Amino acid sequence: MSEAPLVFITGASSGIGQALAARFHRAGYRLALVARRANEVAHWASGQGFDAASWAVYGADVRDVEAIAAAGQACIQAQGVPDVVIANAGISVGMDTAERADLEVMRSTYETNNLGLAATFHPFVAAMRARKSGTLVGIASVAGIRGLPGHGAYSSSKAAVIAYCESLRGELRPFGVKVVTILPGYIDTPLTKGNRYSMPFLMSAEAFADRAYAAIVAGVRYRVIPWQMAIVARLLRALPNAVFDRLLAGRPRKHRQGEAATK
């Protein structure tokens, strides 16, 4: 009997990453889970009653290119080349460009959400190309469609995720490797708990994971979840700048560093 497929997930200690891990495990996948808090992830997986042979945890901070590359290589050596790699680790912190400290917030956001995503994919690209199969998944955000007040770092980082995955998709398609871009709307996770503005169509991490799983296994190129936010995303794209600016004027800003928790 052939070995069960393998999924590699970063940011697996909570929220979307943990929900995706549970969903893929339920579908019969083996798990390679990556997080800074590796002990917490191991404790969670054990608590779920997962067969010890079906999962492994690798400790790494995606901002540390050497560490995440080493985690990928360790996964290949211990569990094989994954069938699916999900670059989920991310942070969302508000910023004010007038504040000098917030430039460091922007640096950290890009290092996590962009460099960390590319570094997550890096160890697996050559092996997937050689095998002529595999799926790389970038977790973007509806916030990457248009720049939102107070979200300068986050919105721009997620816009970059969308563009990067689009570029990678074109590069890898001739080799049979798929690239899937998932754009969550508002998902009930530690990342959104402290938001001080309305969050339409808020959905649970588990419901999100069900829909994301279906999109990933289908090899969908681009998917906004939930579907209602896909309509919002299309409308946002179509709005003239003057109308968009008026609609967003006075909108509460994202919490800055120290005002809300991050993943």
C-alpha atoms as a PDB file:
ATOM      1  CA  MET A   1       0.000   0.000   0.000  1.00  0.00           C
ATOM      2  CA  SER A   2       1.366   3.451  -0.896  1.00  0.00           C
ATOM      3  CA  GLU A   3       2.284   5.876   1.870  1.00  0.00           C
ATOM      4  CA  ALA A   4      -0.249   8.547   2.841  1.00  0.00           C
ATOM      5  CA  PRO A   5       0.283  11.995   1.278  1.00  0.00           C
ATOM      6  CA  LEU A   6       2.199  14.614   3.257  1.00  0.00           C
ATOM      7  CA  VAL A   7       1.345  18.267   3.963  1.00  0.00           C
ATOM      8  CA  PHE A   8       3.872  20.788   5.318  1.00  0.00           C
ATOM      9  CA  ILE A   9       2.270  23.732   7.185  1.00  0.00           C
ATOM     10  CA  THR A  10       3.906  26.773   8.771  1.00  0.00           C
ATOM     11  CA  GLY A  11       2.270  28.806  11.531  1.00  0.00           C
ATOM     12  CA  ALA A  12       0.753  25.612  12.895  1.00  0.00           C
ATOM     13  CA  SER A  13       0.566  26.667  16.544  1.00  0.00           C
ATOM     14  CA  SER A  14      -2.875  28.304  16.346  1.00  0.00           C
ATOM     15  CA  GLY A  15      -5.658  29.707  14.193  1.00  0.00           C
ATOM     16  CA  ILE A  16      -5.758  28.906  10.489  1.00  0.00           C
ATOM     17  CA  GLY A  17      -2.611  26.775  10.542  1.00  0.00           C
ATOM     18  CA  GLN A  18      -3.894  24.518  13.288  1.00  0.00           C
ATOM     19  CA  ALA A  19      -7.333  24.219  11.670  1.00  0.00           C
ATOM     20  CA  LEU A  20      -5.723  23.276   8.343  1.00  0.00           C
ATOM     21  CA  ALA A  21      -3.577  20.662  10.079  1.00  0.00           C
ATOM     22  CA  ALA A  22      -6.653  19.057  11.634  1.00  0.00           C
ATOM     23  CA  ARG A  23      -8.535  19.125   8.313  1.00  0.00           C
ATOM     24  CA  PHE A  24      -5.714  17.555   6.309  1.00  0.00           C
ATOM     25  CA  HIS A  25      -5.144  14.906   8.971  1.00  0.00           C
ATOM     26  CA  ARG A  26      -8.842  14.043   8.843  1.00  0.00           C
ATOM     27  CA  ALA A  27      -8.441  13.551   5.096  1.00  0.00           C
ATOM     28  CA  GLY A  28      -5.664  11.012   5.660  1.00  0.00           C
ATOM     29  CA  TYR A  29      -2.594  13.206   5.218  1.00  0.00           C
ATOM     30  CA  ARG A  30       0.567  12.896   7.259  1.00  0.00           C
ATOM     31  CA  LEU A  31       1.566  16.198   8.869  1.00  0.00           C
ATOM     32  CA  ALA A  32       4.800  18.186   8.924  1.00  0.00           C
ATOM     33  CA  LEU A  33       4.065  21.098  11.228  1.00  0.00           C
ATOM     34  CA  VAL A  34       6.281  24.148  11.661  1.00  0.00           C
ATOM     35  CA  ALA A  35       6.074  26.816  14.357  1.00  0.00           C
ATOM     36  CA  ARG A  36       8.256  28.849  16.671  1.00  0.00           C
ATOM     37  CA  ARG A  37       6.474  27.208  19.598  1.00  0.00           C
ATOM     38  CA  ALA A  38       7.213  23.624  18.577  1.00  0.00           C
ATOM     39  CA  ASN A  39       6.436  22.165  22.014  1.00  0.00           C
ATOM     40  CA  GLU A  40       2.937  23.654  21.953  1.00  0.00           C
ATOM     41  CA  VAL A  41       2.248  22.149  18.537  1.00  0.00           C
ATOM     42  CA  ALA A  42       3.494  18.737  19.654  1.00  0.00           C
ATOM     43  CA  HIS A  43       1.292  18.954  22.759  1.00  0.00           C
ATOM     44  CA  TRP A  44      -1.715  19.865  20.590  1.00  0.00           C
ATOM     45  CA  ALA A  45      -1.140  17.023  18.119  1.00  0.00           C
ATOM     46  CA  SER A  46      -0.745  14.512  20.949  1.00  0.00           C
ATOM     47  CA  GLY A  47      -3.900  15.842  22.557  1.00  0.00           C
ATOM     48  CA  GLN A  48      -5.832  15.280  19.334  1.00  0.00           C
ATOM     49  CA  GLY A  49      -5.010  11.597  19.545  1.00  0.00           C
ATOM     50  CA  PHE A  50      -3.143  11.595  16.229  1.00  0.00           C
ATOM     51  CA  ASP A  51      -1.087   8.473  15.564  1.00  0.00           C
ATOM     52  CA  ALA A  52       2.506   9.400  16.463  1.00  0.00           C
ATOM     53  CA  ALA A  53       3.704   8.035  13.124  1.00  0.00           C
ATOM     54  CA  SER A  54       1.423  10.433  11.228  1.00  0.00           C
ATOM     55  CA  TRP A  55       2.970  13.734  12.294  1.00  0.00           C
ATOM     56  CA  ALA A  56       6.213  15.521  13.065  1.00  0.00           C
ATOM     57  CA  VAL A  57       6.977  19.007  14.347  1.00  0.00           C
ATOM     58  CA  TYR A  58       9.845  21.259  13.271  1.00  0.00           C
ATOM     59  CA  GLY A  59      10.754  24.342  15.271  1.00  0.00           C
ATOM     60  CA  ALA A  60      11.588  27.384  13.149  1.00  0.00           C
ATOM     61  CA  ASP A  61      10.849  31.075  12.766  1.00  0.00           C
ATOM     62  CA  VAL A  62      10.076  31.736   9.089  1.00  0.00           C
ATOM     63  CA  ARG A  63      11.915  35.079   9.330  1.00  0.00           C
ATOM     64  CA  ASP A  64      15.114  33.079   9.814  1.00  0.00           C
ATOM     65  CA  VAL A  65      15.856  31.828   6.287  1.00  0.00           C
ATOM     66  CA  GLU A  66      18.448  29.318   7.473  1.00  0.00           C
ATOM     67  CA  ALA A  67      16.093  27.904  10.101  1.00  0.00           C
ATOM     68  CA  ILE A  68      13.081  27.448   7.823  1.00  0.00           C
ATOM     69  CA  ALA A  69      15.268  26.020   5.039  1.00  0.00           C
ATOM     70  CA  ALA A  70      16.729  23.571   7.556  1.00  0.00           C
ATOM     71  CA  ALA A  71      13.217  22.611   8.676  1.00  0.00           C
ATOM     72  CA  GLY A  72      12.283  21.875   5.078  1.00  0.00           C
ATOM     73  CA  GLN A  73      15.354  19.736   4.539  1.00  0.00           C
ATOM     74  CA  ALA A  74      14.706  17.894   7.813  1.00  0.00           C
ATOM     75  CA  CYS A  75      11.158  17.178   6.631  1.00  0.00           C
ATOM     76  CA  ILE A  76      12.414  15.764   3.324  1.00  0.00           C
ATOM     77  CA  GLN A  77      14.906  13.523   5.098  1.00  0.00           C
ATOM     78  CA  ALA A  78      12.481  12.296   7.760  1.00  0.00           C
ATOM     79  CA  GLN A  79       9.141  12.200   5.938  1.00  0.00           C
ATOM     80  CA  GLY A  80       9.833  12.716   2.237  1.00  0.00           C
ATOM     81  CA  VAL A  81       8.963  15.494  -0.211  1.00  0.00           C
ATOM     82  CA  PRO A  82       5.538  16.899   0.700  1.00  0.00           C
ATOM     83  CA  ASP A  83       2.598  16.715  -1.665  1.00  0.00           C
ATOM     84  CA  VAL A  84       1.323  20.051  -0.354  1.00  0.00           C
ATOM     85  CA  VAL A  85       3.243  22.942   1.234  1.00  0.00           C
ATOM     86  CA  ILE A  86       1.174  25.674   2.921  1.00  0.00           C
ATOM     87  CA  ALA A  87       2.993  28.906   3.758  1.00  0.00           C
ATOM     88  CA  ASN A  88       0.560  30.104   6.390  1.00  0.00           C
ATOM     89  CA  ALA A  89       2.750  31.809   9.017  1.00  0.00           C
ATOM     90  CA  GLY A  90       1.984  35.515   9.144  1.00  0.00           C
ATOM     91  CA  ILE A  91       1.596  38.578  11.334  1.00  0.00           C
ATOM     92  CA  SER A  92      -0.847  41.475  11.186  1.00  0.00           C
ATOM     93  CA  VAL A  93       0.081  44.657  13.039  1.00  0.00           C
ATOM     94  CA  GLY A  94      -1.117  48.190  12.383  1.00  0.00           C
ATOM     95  CA  MET A  95       1.376  50.919  11.566  1.00  0.00           C
ATOM     96  CA  ASP A  96       1.665  54.692  11.468  1.00  0.00           C
ATOM     97  CA  THR A  97       4.373  55.883   9.101  1.00  0.00           C
ATOM     98  CA  ALA A  98       4.892  58.955  11.284  1.00  0.00           C
ATOM     99  CA  GLU A  99       6.160  56.685  14.067  1.00  0.00           C
ATOM    100  CA  ARG A 100       9.791  55.650  13.663  1.00  0.00           C
ATOM    101  CA  ALA A 101       9.258  52.368  15.529  1.00  0.00           C
ATOM    102  CA  ASP A 102       6.602  51.323  13.050  1.00  0.00           C
ATOM    103  CA  LEU A 103       9.174  51.118  10.274  1.00  0.00           C
ATOM    104  CA  GLU A 104      10.526  48.134  12.194  1.00  0.00           C
ATOM    105  CA  VAL A 105       6.991  46.743  12.285  1.00  0.00           C
ATOM    106  CA  MET A 106       6.968  46.982   8.487  1.00  0.00           C
ATOM    107  CA  ARG A 107      10.342  45.229   8.269  1.00  0.00           C
ATOM    108  CA  SER A 108       9.150  42.400  10.521  1.00  0.00           C
ATOM    109  CA  THR A 109       5.889  42.069   8.569  1.00  0.00           C
ATOM    110  CA  TYR A 110       7.700  41.728   5.247  1.00  0.00           C
ATOM    111  CA  GLU A 111      10.252  39.340   6.701  1.00  0.00           C
ATOM    112  CA  THR A 112       7.454  37.095   7.972  1.00  0.00           C
ATOM    113  CA  ASN A 113       4.743  37.430   5.346  1.00  0.00           C
ATOM    114  CA  ASN A 114       6.928  37.654   2.226  1.00  0.00           C
ATOM    115  CA  LEU A 115      10.506  36.481   2.733  1.00  0.00           C
ATOM    116  CA  GLY A 116       9.214  33.800   5.103  1.00  0.00           C
ATOM    117  CA  LEU A 117       6.754  32.570   2.488  1.00  0.00           C
ATOM    118  CA  ALA A 118       9.417  32.283  -0.222  1.00  0.00           C
ATOM    119  CA  ALA A 119      11.824  30.625   2.220  1.00  0.00           C
ATOM    120  CA  THR A 120       9.108  28.116   3.129  1.00  0.00           C
ATOM    121  CA  PHE A 121       8.701  27.089  -0.514  1.00  0.00           C
ATOM    122  CA  HIS A 122      12.418  27.148  -1.333  1.00  0.00           C
ATOM    123  CA  PRO A 123      13.505  23.700  -0.020  1.00  0.00           C
ATOM    124  CA  PHE A 124      10.787  21.911  -1.992  1.00  0.00           C
ATOM    125  CA  VAL A 125      10.729  23.582  -5.411  1.00  0.00           C
ATOM    126  CA  ALA A 126      13.558  21.651  -7.054  1.00  0.00           C
ATOM    127  CA  ALA A 127      12.304  18.304  -5.722  1.00  0.00           C
ATOM    128  CA  MET A 128       8.728  18.993  -6.840  1.00  0.00           C
ATOM    129  CA  ARG A 129       9.925  20.057 -10.295  1.00  0.00           C
ATOM    130  CA  ALA A 130      11.941  16.859 -10.604  1.00  0.00           C
ATOM    131  CA  ARG A 131       8.972  14.779  -9.445  1.00  0.00           C
ATOM    132  CA  LYS A 132       6.640  16.801 -11.698  1.00  0.00           C
ATOM    133  CA  SER A 133       3.992  17.103  -9.014  1.00  0.00           C
ATOM    134  CA  GLY A 134       3.146  19.013  -5.856  1.00  0.00           C
ATOM    135  CA  THR A 135       1.160  21.993  -4.671  1.00  0.00           C
ATOM    136  CA  LEU A 136       2.493  25.189  -3.093  1.00  0.00           C
ATOM    137  CA  VAL A 137      -0.097  27.254  -1.207  1.00  0.00           C
ATOM    138  CA  GLY A 138       0.312  30.906  -0.281  1.00  0.00           C
ATOM    139  CA  ILE A 139      -2.063  32.312   2.328  1.00  0.00           C
ATOM    140  CA  ALA A 140      -2.739  35.916   1.292  1.00  0.00           C
ATOM    141  CA  SER A 141      -5.697  38.055   2.439  1.00  0.00           C
ATOM    142  CA  VAL A 142      -8.572  40.106   1.095  1.00  0.00           C
ATOM    143  CA  ALA A 143      -6.656  42.993   2.716  1.00  0.00           C
ATOM    144  CA  GLY A 144      -4.163  42.602  -0.129  1.00  0.00           C
ATOM    145  CA  ILE A 145      -6.745  43.727  -2.718  1.00  0.00           C
ATOM    146  CA  ARG A 146      -6.705  47.401  -1.708  1.00  0.00           C
ATOM    147  CA  GLY A 147      -4.667  49.332   0.846  1.00  0.00           C
ATOM    148  CA  LEU A 148      -6.613  49.815   4.084  1.00  0.00           C
ATOM    149  CA  PRO A 149      -5.983  52.667   6.560  1.00  0.00           C
ATOM    150  CA  GLY A 150      -3.579  51.626   9.297  1.00  0.00           C
ATOM    151  CA  HIS A 151      -2.780  48.418   7.403  1.00  0.00           C
ATOM    152  CA  GLY A 152       0.091  49.788   5.316  1.00  0.00           C
ATOM    153  CA  ALA A 153       2.464  46.959   6.199  1.00  0.00           C
ATOM    154  CA  TYR A 154      -0.105  44.152   6.199  1.00  0.00           C
ATOM    155  CA  SER A 155      -2.050  45.149   3.070  1.00  0.00           C
ATOM    156  CA  SER A 156       1.104  45.696   1.034  1.00  0.00           C
ATOM    157  CA  SER A 157       2.636  42.433   2.265  1.00  0.00           C
ATOM    158  CA  LYS A 158      -0.445  40.458   1.260  1.00  0.00           C
ATOM    159  CA  ALA A 159      -0.630  42.218  -2.107  1.00  0.00           C
ATOM    160  CA  ALA A 160       2.950  41.028  -2.576  1.00  0.00           C
ATOM    161  CA  VAL A 161       1.930  37.460  -1.668  1.00  0.00           C
ATOM    162  CA  ILE A 162      -0.714  37.544  -4.407  1.00  0.00           C
ATOM    163  CA  ALA A 163       1.737  38.836  -7.022  1.00  0.00           C
ATOM    164  CA  TYR A 164       4.548  36.510  -5.924  1.00  0.00           C
ATOM    165  CA  CYS A 165       2.336  33.416  -6.108  1.00  0.00           C
ATOM    166  CA  GLU A 166       1.112  34.490  -9.519  1.00  0.00           C
ATOM    167  CA  SER A 167       4.718  34.748 -10.732  1.00  0.00           C
ATOM    168  CA  LEU A 168       5.602  31.384  -9.209  1.00  0.00           C
ATOM    169  CA  ARG A 169       2.537  29.765 -10.774  1.00  0.00           C
ATOM    170  CA  GLY A 170       3.740  30.713 -14.236  1.00  0.00           C
ATOM    171  CA  GLU A 171       7.246  29.454 -13.507  1.00  0.00           C
ATOM    172  CA  LEU A 172       6.183  26.054 -12.173  1.00  0.00           C
ATOM    173  CA  ARG A 173       3.220  25.168 -14.376  1.00  0.00           C
ATOM    174  CA  PRO A 174       5.436  23.574 -17.101  1.00  0.00           C
ATOM    175  CA  PHE A 175       6.769  21.188 -14.437  1.00  0.00           C
ATOM    176  CA  GLY A 176       3.372  20.004 -13.197  1.00  0.00           C
ATOM    177  CA  VAL A 177       3.660  21.882  -9.896  1.00  0.00           C
ATOM    178  CA  LYS A 178       0.569  23.848  -8.855  1.00  0.00           C
ATOM    179  CA  VAL A 179       0.529  27.148  -6.991  1.00  0.00           C
ATOM    180  CA  VAL A 180      -2.655  28.020  -5.093  1.00  0.00           C
ATOM    181  CA  THR A 181      -3.351  31.466  -3.641  1.00  0.00           C
ATOM    182  CA  ILE A 182      -5.912  31.564  -0.810  1.00  0.00           C
ATOM    183  CA  LEU A 183      -7.347  34.918   0.299  1.00  0.00           C
ATOM    184  CA  PRO A 184      -9.117  34.635   3.663  1.00  0.00           C
ATOM    185  CA  GLY A 185     -11.639  37.246   4.644  1.00  0.00           C
ATOM    186  CA  TYR A 186     -12.257  37.735   8.359  1.00  0.00           C
ATOM    187  CA  ILE A 187     -11.491  34.492  10.203  1.00  0.00           C
ATOM    188  CA  ASP A 188     -12.029  34.084  13.941  1.00  0.00           C
ATOM    189  CA  THR A 189      -8.426  33.574  15.112  1.00  0.00           C
ATOM    190  CA  PRO A 190      -6.057  35.184  17.647  1.00  0.00           C
ATOM    191  CA  LEU A 191      -4.981  37.495  14.801  1.00  0.00           C
ATOM    192  CA  THR A 192      -8.431  39.098  14.546  1.00  0.00           C
ATOM    193  CA  LYS A 193      -9.571  38.999  18.202  1.00  0.00           C
ATOM    194  CA  GLY A 194      -8.464  42.559  18.942  1.00  0.00           C
ATOM    195  CA  ASN A 195      -9.763  44.242  15.795  1.00  0.00           C
ATOM    196  CA  ARG A 196     -11.743  47.373  16.656  1.00  0.00           C
ATOM    197  CA  TYR A 197     -13.793  47.563  13.477  1.00  0.00           C
ATOM    198  CA  SER A 198     -16.641  45.485  12.049  1.00  0.00           C
ATOM    199  CA  MET A 199     -15.687  42.191  10.413  1.00  0.00           C
ATOM    200  CA  PRO A 200     -18.393  41.194   7.924  1.00  0.00           C
ATOM    201  CA  PHE A 201     -18.883  37.518   7.120  1.00  0.00           C
ATOM    202  CA  LEU A 202     -16.639  36.452  10.024  1.00  0.00           C
ATOM    203  CA  MET A 203     -16.198  32.675   9.935  1.00  0.00           C
ATOM    204  CA  SER A 204     -14.598  30.082  12.179  1.00  0.00           C
ATOM    205  CA  ALA A 205     -11.121  28.747  11.450  1.00  0.00           C
ATOM    206  CA  GLU A 206     -12.608  25.265  11.067  1.00  0.00           C
ATOM    207  CA  ALA A 207     -15.133  26.375   8.437  1.00  0.00           C
ATOM    208  CA  PHE A 208     -12.370  28.217   6.618  1.00  0.00           C
ATOM    209  CA  ALA A 209     -10.162  25.101   6.691  1.00  0.00           C
ATOM    210  CA  ASP A 210     -12.908  22.993   5.102  1.00  0.00           C
ATOM    211  CA  ARG A 211     -13.237  25.404   2.183  1.00  0.00           C
ATOM    212  CA  ALA A 212      -9.498  25.942   1.827  1.00  0.00           C
ATOM    213  CA  TYR A 213      -8.882  22.193   1.808  1.00  0.00           C
ATOM    214  CA  ALA A 214     -11.378  21.733  -1.027  1.00  0.00           C
ATOM    215  CA  ALA A 215      -9.734  24.511  -3.067  1.00  0.00           C
ATOM    216  CA  ILE A 216      -6.221  23.167  -2.469  1.00  0.00           C
ATOM    217  CA  VAL A 217      -6.928  19.555  -3.429  1.00  0.00           C
ATOM    218  CA  ALA A 218      -8.794  20.804  -6.517  1.00  0.00           C
ATOM    219  CA  GLY A 219      -5.731  22.812  -7.522  1.00  0.00           C
ATOM    220  CA  VAL A 220      -7.686  26.059  -7.765  1.00  0.00           C
ATOM    221  CA  ARG A 221      -5.343  28.898  -8.734  1.00  0.00           C
ATOM    222  CA  TYR A 222      -6.992  31.670  -6.686  1.00  0.00           C
ATOM    223  CA  ARG A 223      -9.766  31.491  -4.120  1.00  0.00           C
ATOM    224  CA  VAL A 224     -11.316  34.064  -1.772  1.00  0.00           C
ATOM    225  CA  ILE A 225     -12.939  32.541   1.332  1.00  0.00           C
ATOM    226  CA  PRO A 226     -15.779  32.970   2.211  1.00  0.00           C
ATOM    227  CA  TRP A 227     -17.537  33.459  -1.114  1.00  0.00           C
ATOM    228  CA  GLN A 228     -19.238  36.628   0.107  1.00  0.00           C
ATOM    229  CA  MET A 229     -15.846  38.255   0.481  1.00  0.00           C
ATOM    230  CA  ALA A 230     -15.066  37.316  -3.113  1.00  0.00           C
ATOM    231  CA  ILE A 231     -17.892  39.644  -4.139  1.00  0.00           C
ATOM    232  CA  VAL A 232     -16.523  42.349  -1.841  1.00  0.00           C
ATOM    233  CA  ALA A 233     -13.057  41.832  -3.349  1.00  0.00           C
ATOM    234  CA  ARG A 234     -14.375  42.285  -6.897  1.00  0.00           C
ATOM    235  CA  LEU A 235     -16.213  45.443  -5.867  1.00  0.00           C
ATOM    236  CA  LEU A 236     -13.102  46.831  -4.158  1.00  0.00           C
ATOM    237  CA  ARG A 237     -11.056  46.257  -7.297  1.00  0.00           C
ATOM    238  CA  ALA A 238     -13.635  48.033  -9.430  1.00  0.00           C
ATOM    239  CA  LEU A 239     -14.119  51.109  -7.231  1.00  0.00           C
ATOM    240  CA  PRO A 240     -12.615  54.359  -8.576  1.00  0.00           C
ATOM    241  CA  ASN A 241      -9.955  55.717  -6.233  1.00  0.00           C
ATOM    242  CA  ALA A 242     -12.045  58.741  -5.270  1.00  0.00           C
ATOM    243  CA  VAL A 243     -14.984  56.559  -4.207  1.00  0.00           C
ATOM    244  CA  PHE A 244     -12.736  54.096  -2.363  1.00  0.00           C
ATOM    245  CA  ASP A 245     -11.055  56.953  -0.454  1.00  0.00           C
ATOM    246  CA  ARG A 246     -14.395  58.395   0.647  1.00  0.00           C
ATOM    247  CA  LEU A 247     -15.671  55.018   1.817  1.00  0.00           C
ATOM    248  CA  LEU A 248     -12.567  54.362   3.908  1.00  0.00           C
ATOM    249  CA  ALA A 249     -12.252  57.855   5.386  1.00  0.00           C
ATOM    250  CA  GLY A 250     -12.508  57.729   9.183  1.00  0.00           C
ATOM    251  CA  ARG A 251     -12.413  53.927   9.343  1.00  0.00           C
ATOM    252  CA  PRO A 252     -10.879  52.683  12.624  1.00  0.00           C
ATOM    253  CA  ARG A 253      -7.221  51.781  12.168  1.00  0.00           C
ATOM    254  CA  LYS A 254      -5.577  48.467  12.892  1.00  0.00           C
ATOM    255  CA  HIS A 255      -3.995  48.244  16.358  1.00  0.00           C
ATOM    256  CA  ARG A 256      -0.330  49.215  16.402  1.00  0.00           C
ATOM    257  CA  GLN A 257       2.425  47.207  18.102  1.00  0.00           C
ATOM    258  CA  GLY A 258       1.626  46.605  21.756  1.00  0.00           C
ATOM    259  CA  GLU A 259      -2.082  47.355  21.322  1.00  0.00           C
ATOM    260  CA  ALA A 260      -3.132  43.870  20.145  1.00  0.00           C
ATOM    261  CA  ALA A 261      -1.812  40.325  20.087  1.00  0.00           C
ATOM    262  CA  THR A 262      -0.137  38.790  17.022  1.00  0.00           C
ATOM    263  CA  LYS A 263       0.403  35.199  15.989  1.00  0.00           C
END
